[in-house]
Amino acid sequence: MGNPLQDLNGLGRSVWLDSIKRSYLGQGNYLDRLIGAHEVSGLTSNPSIFNMALDSDSDEYAEQLVAVGQRPAAERAVGADAVGRAGSVRPVPAAV
């Protein structure tokens, strides 16, 4: 039995990660491994996902939270993480 996520990709289906954490984003980390293994084609985001990222990775965002002193600015920081990684999945639409 193969990898179900890779099998879906082979059938022309795209699996998207509906979560974001700063720890997923560094070079060689979770998101890179999923994309490299053709298990995930994209990354979605919305205010609820940003909120979960801030709650679960609060230590990673703490410096920015203190610097700006308000949550909306921190939400922009999480958004910047998502936008910053858009290049990782940019080739996928061209291949579909």
Foldseek 3Di string as FASTA:
>chain_A
DDDVLQVCVVVVDAAEAAADALQQQDPPHVVLVCVVVNNHQYYDDDPVRLVVRCVVRVVVLVVVCVVVVDDVVSSVVRVCSRVVCRVSNVCVVVVD
